[in-house]
Amino acid sequence: MEFGLFVQGYLGKRAETDPLAEHKALMEETEYVIQADRSGFKYAWASEHHFLEEYSHLSANDVFLGYLAHATERIHLGSGIFNPLAPVNHPVKVAEKVAMLDHLSQGRFEFGSGRGAGSHEILGFMPGITDMNHTKEIWEETIAEFPKMWLQDEYVGFQGKHWSLPPRKVLPKPYGPAHPPMWYAAGSPSSYAMAGKKGLGVLGFSVQKVSDMEWVLDSYKSAVKEAKAVGAFVNDNVMVTSTAICAETHERAVEIAVSGGLNYLQSLLFRYHDTFPRPDGVPEWPELLPEYTAEIIELLIAEELMICGDPGEVLRQCKRWEQAGADQLSFGLPIGVSYEDTMTTIRLIGEHVIPQIDTDPIHRTTRFRESAGR
């Protein structure tokens, strides 16, 4: 199993007391990725969100990733996601950004796409549309065009329902063999199977705990075996995310989690991501989940809903994900946790966890891509 980091420009309530909170949050997250690169993490994923006050201020993730392409050496940098819906980002512009980042990172870029997870965000770009299901047909008619734009000397052009382009040379072409690995941000069993059929890796932001992996793998792995890849190769890959806090002792890790404002982060998630199934007990905004106590944190750990503890405990918790079949485990780092404690989490996982689980120095997606270029 490989390891990643997920960042999104989460602000929370910090702006109420610090006028520079937005700037600090964005810059701190660049430093988290740089430290993850030094600590042996293989992936860093940066979200694209719009209008989601406090929850995510990382709207121009292509700019953010371009900075990190220069500031890092080994870690693969992924869009989690670039939204390719024509009303949000013209598909040709997305293809150009992907290829440019592939050059700037010298082949370390990973292209994650999706339809967005919330009506407040996506329907803001679609006046008159009230149903998020409308986005499915836009994404479906678009996704297979990207490899053509990258691999055809002159793209033959496209005439679709939602966008069109006459024949043009789409530049630059990707760096190295084939094109960057392609992923899809999935939120339901049917989405996992659909991604598998198209040969796309899955960014499993909706997977909450280890036991969820069973239906994820059943739906995805069965479909990917029969994949008709939209790209030059099959990216047989399921990434899942989990909150992670690692400290020198169990008691300190729980203390950090209690003070991290995790209840507010979860409340904001379901405020904006109205396409995600709402778990029992999560109230509708503006009502908040109750503040987490040490007892609640211990329960979340026991229920395998978060990774938290000393290095030995975190290693055992991560091995549970590996045993369940996850190809990649990506950590969301709660921004309510201090900069120092977050950097400690990254360093400790890099020192004590990753070397025990990820023993292959070559990225899984690098192998897929290189095989397509032979």
Protein backbone atom coordinates (compact mmCIF):
# COMPACT_ATOMS: atom_id res chain seq x y z
CA MET A 1 0.00 0.00 0.00
CA GLU A 2 1.23 3.48 -0.89
CA PHE A 3 0.73 6.68 1.08
CA GLY A 4 -0.45 10.17 0.26
CA LEU A 5 -1.45 13.51 1.71
CA PHE A 6 -4.66 15.44 0.93
CA VAL A 7 -4.85 19.23 1.26
CA GLN A 8 -7.71 21.59 0.52
CA GLY A 9 -7.10 25.00 2.06
CA TYR A 10 -9.34 24.43 5.08
CA LEU A 11 -9.73 27.61 7.10
CA GLY A 12 -12.32 26.91 9.78
CA LYS A 13 -12.92 29.71 12.25
CA ARG A 14 -9.37 31.01 12.31
CA ALA A 15 -10.23 34.10 10.29
CA GLU A 16 -12.35 35.33 13.21
CA THR A 17 -9.19 36.08 15.18
CA ASP A 18 -6.43 36.30 12.54
CA PRO A 19 -6.72 38.55 9.44
CA LEU A 20 -3.90 36.56 7.78
CA ALA A 21 -5.49 33.16 8.47
CA GLU A 22 -6.31 32.41 4.82
CA HIS A 23 -2.76 33.15 3.69
CA LYS A 24 -1.24 31.15 6.53
CA ALA A 25 -3.47 28.14 5.84
CA LEU A 26 -2.48 27.99 2.18
CA MET A 27 1.23 28.47 2.83
CA GLU A 28 1.29 25.95 5.68
CA GLU A 29 -0.23 23.35 3.39
CA THR A 30 2.57 23.83 0.87
CA GLU A 31 5.01 23.10 3.70
CA TYR A 32 3.09 19.96 4.66
CA VAL A 33 3.48 18.64 1.11
CA ILE A 34 7.18 19.54 1.05
CA GLN A 35 7.68 17.67 4.35
CA ALA A 36 5.68 14.71 3.03
CA ASP A 37 8.03 14.59 0.04
CA ARG A 38 11.02 14.42 2.41
CA SER A 39 9.27 11.82 4.57
CA GLY A 40 8.68 9.24 1.85
CA PHE A 41 5.03 9.86 0.98
CA LYS A 42 4.36 9.02 -2.66
CA TYR A 43 1.38 11.28 -3.41
CA ALA A 44 -0.05 14.69 -2.56
CA TRP A 45 -3.57 15.56 -3.67
CA ALA A 46 -4.88 19.12 -3.87
CA SER A 47 -8.60 19.82 -4.11
CA GLU A 48 -10.40 22.24 -6.42
CA HIS A 49 -13.31 23.92 -4.67
CA HIS A 50 -15.19 27.14 -5.23
CA PHE A 51 -17.34 29.29 -2.92
CA LEU A 52 -16.94 26.94 0.07
CA GLU A 53 -16.25 29.45 2.82
CA GLU A 54 -14.13 28.06 5.68
CA TYR A 55 -14.24 24.49 4.30
CA SER A 56 -11.90 24.96 1.32
CA HIS A 57 -10.20 28.06 -0.05
CA LEU A 58 -8.03 26.09 -2.49
CA SER A 59 -9.74 27.12 -5.73
CA ALA A 60 -6.75 27.55 -8.08
CA ASN A 61 -5.12 24.21 -7.35
CA ASP A 62 -3.26 24.25 -10.68
CA VAL A 63 -1.30 27.27 -9.45
CA PHE A 64 -0.75 25.60 -6.08
CA LEU A 65 0.51 22.40 -7.74
CA GLY A 66 2.76 24.34 -10.11
CA TYR A 67 4.50 25.88 -7.10
CA LEU A 68 4.89 22.44 -5.52
CA ALA A 69 6.28 20.94 -8.72
CA HIS A 70 9.32 23.15 -8.22
CA ALA A 71 9.42 22.85 -4.42
CA THR A 72 9.41 19.02 -4.28
CA GLU A 73 11.60 16.28 -5.75
CA ARG A 74 9.95 12.83 -5.62
CA ILE A 75 6.33 13.04 -4.52
CA HIS A 76 3.64 12.69 -7.18
CA LEU A 77 1.30 15.67 -7.32
CA GLY A 78 -2.37 15.07 -8.06
CA SER A 79 -5.46 17.09 -8.83
CA GLY A 80 -8.06 15.99 -6.38
CA ILE A 81 -9.76 17.17 -8.60
CA PHE A 82 -9.58 19.25 -11.76
CA ASN A 83 -13.24 19.73 -12.64
CA PRO A 84 -13.58 19.14 -16.41
CA LEU A 85 -17.24 20.17 -16.73
CA ALA A 86 -17.29 22.70 -19.56
CA PRO A 87 -19.26 25.36 -17.60
CA VAL A 88 -16.60 25.19 -14.84
CA ASN A 89 -13.37 24.64 -16.82
CA HIS A 90 -13.18 24.22 -20.58
CA PRO A 91 -11.86 20.70 -21.26
CA VAL A 92 -9.07 21.94 -23.54
CA LYS A 93 -7.81 24.24 -20.79
CA VAL A 94 -7.84 21.27 -18.41
CA ALA A 95 -5.84 19.16 -20.89
CA GLU A 96 -3.31 21.98 -21.25
CA LYS A 97 -2.94 22.35 -17.45
CA VAL A 98 -2.42 18.61 -16.99
CA ALA A 99 0.29 18.44 -19.66
CA MET A 100 2.00 21.58 -18.35
CA LEU A 101 2.09 20.23 -14.80
CA ASP A 102 3.41 16.95 -16.17
CA HIS A 103 6.36 18.90 -17.60
CA LEU A 104 6.96 21.06 -14.53
CA SER A 105 6.95 18.00 -12.27
CA GLN A 106 8.97 15.94 -14.80
CA GLY A 107 6.41 13.17 -14.99
CA ARG A 108 5.11 13.29 -11.41
CA PHE A 109 1.60 14.56 -12.14
CA GLU A 110 -1.60 12.56 -11.52
CA PHE A 111 -4.85 13.68 -13.19
CA GLY A 112 -7.85 13.30 -10.93
CA SER A 113 -11.20 14.44 -12.29
CA GLY A 114 -14.79 14.40 -11.09
CA ARG A 115 -18.14 16.15 -11.18
CA GLY A 116 -17.98 17.98 -7.86
CA ALA A 117 -19.76 16.95 -4.70
CA GLY A 118 -22.06 19.83 -3.92
CA SER A 119 -24.80 21.91 -5.49
CA HIS A 120 -23.72 25.17 -3.82
CA GLU A 121 -20.41 24.92 -5.64
CA ILE A 122 -21.11 23.37 -9.04
CA LEU A 123 -24.53 24.82 -9.77
CA GLY A 124 -23.05 28.26 -9.20
CA PHE A 125 -21.52 27.82 -12.66
CA MET A 126 -24.78 26.59 -14.23
CA PRO A 127 -27.53 29.22 -14.05
CA GLY A 128 -30.97 27.68 -14.38
CA ILE A 129 -29.82 24.12 -13.56
CA THR A 130 -31.09 22.71 -10.27
CA ASP A 131 -30.19 19.02 -10.53
CA MET A 132 -26.63 17.77 -9.93
CA ASN A 133 -27.43 14.71 -12.08
CA HIS A 134 -27.06 17.05 -15.07
CA THR A 135 -23.31 17.02 -14.50
CA LYS A 136 -23.01 13.29 -15.20
CA GLU A 137 -23.64 13.54 -18.93
CA ILE A 138 -21.20 16.46 -19.24
CA TRP A 139 -18.41 14.48 -17.57
CA GLU A 140 -19.28 11.31 -19.52
CA GLU A 141 -19.02 13.01 -22.91
CA THR A 142 -15.73 14.67 -21.94
CA ILE A 143 -13.46 12.21 -20.11
CA ALA A 144 -12.44 10.07 -23.13
CA GLU A 145 -11.39 13.17 -25.08
CA PHE A 146 -8.38 13.95 -22.88
CA PRO A 147 -6.11 11.13 -24.10
CA LYS A 148 -6.97 12.10 -27.68
CA MET A 149 -5.96 15.71 -27.02
CA TRP A 150 -2.65 14.54 -25.54
CA LEU A 151 -1.74 11.74 -27.93
CA GLN A 152 -3.02 12.90 -31.32
CA ASP A 153 -0.59 15.20 -33.10
CA GLU A 154 -3.55 17.31 -34.13
CA TYR A 155 -6.64 16.67 -32.06
CA VAL A 156 -9.45 15.72 -34.42
CA GLY A 157 -11.82 18.03 -32.60
CA PHE A 158 -15.11 17.44 -30.85
CA GLN A 159 -18.75 18.33 -31.37
CA GLY A 160 -20.77 17.44 -28.30
CA LYS A 161 -23.89 18.53 -26.54
CA HIS A 162 -22.07 20.69 -23.99
CA TRP A 163 -18.87 21.82 -25.71
CA SER A 164 -17.10 21.71 -29.03
CA LEU A 165 -13.72 22.38 -30.64
CA PRO A 166 -12.56 22.32 -34.26
CA PRO A 167 -9.39 20.36 -35.11
CA ARG A 168 -6.46 21.93 -33.26
CA LYS A 169 -3.03 21.01 -31.90
CA VAL A 170 -3.48 20.92 -28.12
CA LEU A 171 -0.16 21.94 -26.57
CA PRO A 172 2.00 21.10 -24.78
CA LYS A 173 1.99 17.36 -25.17
CA PRO A 174 2.62 15.38 -21.96
CA TYR A 175 6.13 14.70 -20.72
CA GLY A 176 7.44 11.16 -21.10
CA PRO A 177 5.51 8.09 -22.21
CA ALA A 178 1.75 8.10 -22.80
CA HIS A 179 0.07 10.60 -20.46
CA PRO A 180 -0.44 11.16 -16.70
CA PRO A 181 -2.44 8.51 -14.83
CA MET A 182 -6.16 9.24 -14.77
CA TRP A 183 -8.39 9.03 -11.68
CA TYR A 184 -12.04 9.66 -10.82
CA ALA A 185 -13.41 11.00 -7.52
CA ALA A 186 -16.16 8.50 -6.66
CA GLY A 187 -18.87 8.73 -4.04
CA SER A 188 -21.08 5.66 -4.56
CA PRO A 189 -20.69 1.96 -5.44
CA SER A 190 -21.99 2.60 -8.95
CA SER A 191 -19.35 5.29 -9.44
CA TYR A 192 -16.56 2.92 -8.41
CA ALA A 193 -17.75 0.34 -10.93
CA MET A 194 -18.09 2.97 -13.65
CA ALA A 195 -14.53 4.19 -13.04
CA GLY A 196 -13.25 0.61 -13.13
CA LYS A 197 -14.92 -0.06 -16.47
CA LYS A 198 -13.15 2.99 -17.91
CA GLY A 199 -9.76 1.95 -16.48
CA LEU A 200 -9.61 4.92 -14.12
CA GLY A 201 -8.19 4.89 -10.61
CA VAL A 202 -10.60 5.91 -7.87
CA LEU A 203 -10.16 8.74 -5.39
CA GLY A 204 -12.32 7.35 -2.60
CA PHE A 205 -13.14 10.42 -0.57
CA SER A 206 -16.42 8.80 0.50
CA VAL A 207 -14.86 5.79 2.24
CA GLN A 208 -15.32 6.40 5.95
CA LYS A 209 -13.83 3.32 7.62
CA VAL A 210 -12.03 0.07 6.95
CA SER A 211 -15.19 -2.01 6.67
CA ASP A 212 -16.32 0.18 3.76
CA MET A 213 -13.48 -1.23 1.70
CA GLU A 214 -15.37 -4.48 1.07
CA TRP A 215 -18.02 -3.02 -1.20
CA VAL A 216 -15.51 -0.60 -2.72
CA LEU A 217 -13.19 -3.39 -3.81
CA ASP A 218 -15.97 -5.73 -4.89
CA SER A 219 -17.53 -3.15 -7.21
CA TYR A 220 -14.28 -1.69 -8.49
CA LYS A 221 -11.96 -4.68 -8.82
CA SER A 222 -14.58 -6.75 -10.64
CA ALA A 223 -15.19 -3.93 -13.12
CA VAL A 224 -11.54 -3.04 -13.72
CA LYS A 225 -10.74 -6.61 -14.75
CA GLU A 226 -12.91 -6.03 -17.83
CA ALA A 227 -11.87 -2.41 -18.34
CA LYS A 228 -12.07 -0.72 -21.70
CA ALA A 229 -9.63 2.02 -20.82
CA VAL A 230 -10.43 5.53 -22.01
CA GLY A 231 -6.69 6.27 -21.80
CA ALA A 232 -3.50 4.58 -22.90
CA PHE A 233 -3.44 2.26 -19.89
CA VAL A 234 -5.52 0.95 -16.99
CA ASN A 235 -4.86 2.61 -13.64
CA ASP A 236 -6.00 -0.21 -11.34
CA ASN A 237 -5.95 1.78 -8.14
CA VAL A 238 -8.20 2.65 -5.20
CA MET A 239 -7.14 5.53 -2.94
CA VAL A 240 -8.96 6.15 0.33
CA THR A 241 -8.67 9.02 2.79
CA SER A 242 -8.61 9.13 6.57
CA THR A 243 -7.89 11.71 9.22
CA ALA A 244 -4.50 11.08 10.80
CA ILE A 245 -2.90 12.32 14.02
CA CYS A 246 0.33 10.75 15.21
CA ALA A 247 2.22 11.82 18.35
CA GLU A 248 4.90 10.39 20.61
CA THR A 249 2.27 8.97 22.98
CA HIS A 250 -1.33 7.85 22.69
CA GLU A 251 -2.42 10.37 25.29
CA ARG A 252 -0.84 13.27 23.41
CA ALA A 253 -2.43 12.18 20.12
CA VAL A 254 -5.89 12.09 21.71
CA GLU A 255 -5.28 15.47 23.33
CA ILE A 256 -4.39 16.94 19.92
CA ALA A 257 -7.49 15.41 18.35
CA VAL A 258 -9.78 16.80 21.05
CA SER A 259 -8.45 20.33 20.46
CA GLY A 260 -8.53 20.02 16.66
CA GLY A 261 -12.10 21.14 15.98
CA LEU A 262 -12.87 17.96 14.05
CA ASN A 263 -16.60 18.32 14.70
CA TYR A 264 -16.63 21.64 12.83
CA LEU A 265 -14.75 20.19 9.86
CA GLN A 266 -17.26 17.33 9.60
CA SER A 267 -20.20 19.72 9.92
CA LEU A 268 -18.83 21.86 7.08
CA LEU A 269 -18.24 18.77 4.93
CA PHE A 270 -21.92 17.82 5.03
CA ARG A 271 -22.97 21.47 4.72
CA TYR A 272 -21.43 21.66 1.25
CA HIS A 273 -21.17 18.05 -0.01
CA ASP A 274 -24.87 17.40 -0.39
CA THR A 275 -24.31 14.51 -2.80
CA PHE A 276 -22.59 12.48 -0.05
CA PRO A 277 -24.86 10.21 2.01
CA ARG A 278 -25.46 11.90 5.36
CA PRO A 279 -24.60 9.50 8.21
CA ASP A 280 -27.04 9.07 11.07
CA GLY A 281 -26.40 11.62 13.76
CA VAL A 282 -24.98 14.33 11.50
CA PRO A 283 -27.29 17.36 11.84
CA GLU A 284 -28.18 19.77 9.06
CA TRP A 285 -26.27 23.06 8.92
CA PRO A 286 -26.15 25.43 10.79
CA GLU A 287 -26.55 22.93 13.63
CA LEU A 288 -23.14 21.46 14.45
CA LEU A 289 -21.92 18.12 15.61
CA PRO A 290 -21.05 18.28 19.32
CA GLU A 291 -17.45 19.02 20.18
CA TYR A 292 -15.36 15.88 20.38
CA THR A 293 -14.29 14.71 23.82
CA ALA A 294 -11.52 12.24 24.60
CA GLU A 295 -14.22 9.57 24.90
CA ILE A 296 -15.54 10.36 21.40
CA ILE A 297 -12.02 10.28 19.95
CA GLU A 298 -11.40 6.88 21.54
CA LEU A 299 -14.68 5.65 20.05
CA LEU A 300 -13.74 6.94 16.58
CA ILE A 301 -10.40 5.12 16.85
CA ALA A 302 -12.10 1.92 18.00
CA GLU A 303 -14.63 2.13 15.15
CA GLU A 304 -11.75 2.68 12.69
CA LEU A 305 -13.13 6.06 11.66
CA MET A 306 -9.85 7.88 12.20
CA ILE A 307 -6.16 7.10 12.55
CA CYS A 308 -4.82 8.38 15.84
CA GLY A 309 -2.21 7.32 18.34
CA ASP A 310 1.48 6.75 18.89
CA PRO A 311 3.62 5.45 15.98
CA GLY A 312 3.05 1.81 16.85
CA GLU A 313 -0.71 2.26 17.04
CA VAL A 314 -0.81 4.23 13.80
CA LEU A 315 1.21 1.49 12.08
CA ARG A 316 -1.32 -1.14 13.19
CA GLN A 317 -4.23 1.05 12.08
CA CYS A 318 -2.67 1.61 8.65
CA LYS A 319 -2.04 -2.11 8.26
CA ARG A 320 -5.78 -2.65 8.67
CA TRP A 321 -6.34 -0.56 5.53
CA GLU A 322 -3.64 -2.52 3.73
CA GLN A 323 -5.22 -5.82 4.76
CA ALA A 324 -8.59 -4.56 3.53
CA GLY A 325 -7.06 -4.03 0.10
CA ALA A 326 -6.55 -0.29 -0.23
CA ASP A 327 -3.95 0.53 -2.89
CA GLN A 328 -3.26 3.96 -1.38
CA LEU A 329 -4.05 5.59 1.95
CA SER A 330 -4.11 9.38 1.88
CA PHE A 331 -4.24 11.44 5.06
CA GLY A 332 -6.37 14.50 5.54
CA LEU A 333 -4.66 16.64 8.14
CA PRO A 334 -7.15 18.64 10.24
CA ILE A 335 -6.21 22.30 10.09
CA GLY A 336 -7.52 22.88 13.61
CA VAL A 337 -4.37 21.05 14.65
CA SER A 338 -1.33 23.28 15.09
CA TYR A 339 1.38 23.56 12.45
CA GLU A 340 3.92 21.93 14.78
CA ASP A 341 1.68 18.96 15.63
CA THR A 342 0.79 18.45 11.97
CA MET A 343 4.45 18.41 10.93
CA THR A 344 5.11 15.91 13.72
CA THR A 345 2.38 13.63 12.35
CA ILE A 346 3.94 13.71 8.88
CA ARG A 347 7.47 13.07 10.19
CA LEU A 348 6.48 10.24 12.54
CA ILE A 349 4.46 8.46 9.86
CA GLY A 350 7.38 8.86 7.48
CA GLU A 351 9.83 7.43 10.01
CA HIS A 352 7.81 4.62 11.59
CA VAL A 353 4.89 3.66 9.33
CA ILE A 354 5.68 4.06 5.64
CA PRO A 355 8.95 2.03 5.69
CA GLN A 356 7.05 -0.90 7.27
CA ILE A 357 4.30 -0.99 4.63
CA ASP A 358 5.42 0.63 1.37
CA THR A 359 8.63 -1.21 0.51
CA ASP A 360 8.51 -0.63 -3.27
CA PRO A 361 10.45 2.49 -4.31
CA ILE A 362 8.60 2.75 -7.64
CA HIS A 363 5.18 4.37 -7.79
CA ARG A 364 2.41 2.02 -8.86
CA THR A 365 1.18 4.55 -11.42
CA THR A 366 4.70 4.97 -12.81
CA ARG A 367 4.76 1.27 -13.65
CA PHE A 368 1.41 1.51 -15.41
CA ARG A 369 2.47 4.52 -17.40
CA GLU A 370 5.84 3.13 -18.42
CA SER A 371 4.27 -0.12 -19.63
CA ALA A 372 1.99 1.89 -21.91
CA GLY A 373 4.95 3.74 -23.39
CA ARG A 374 6.88 0.64 -24.47
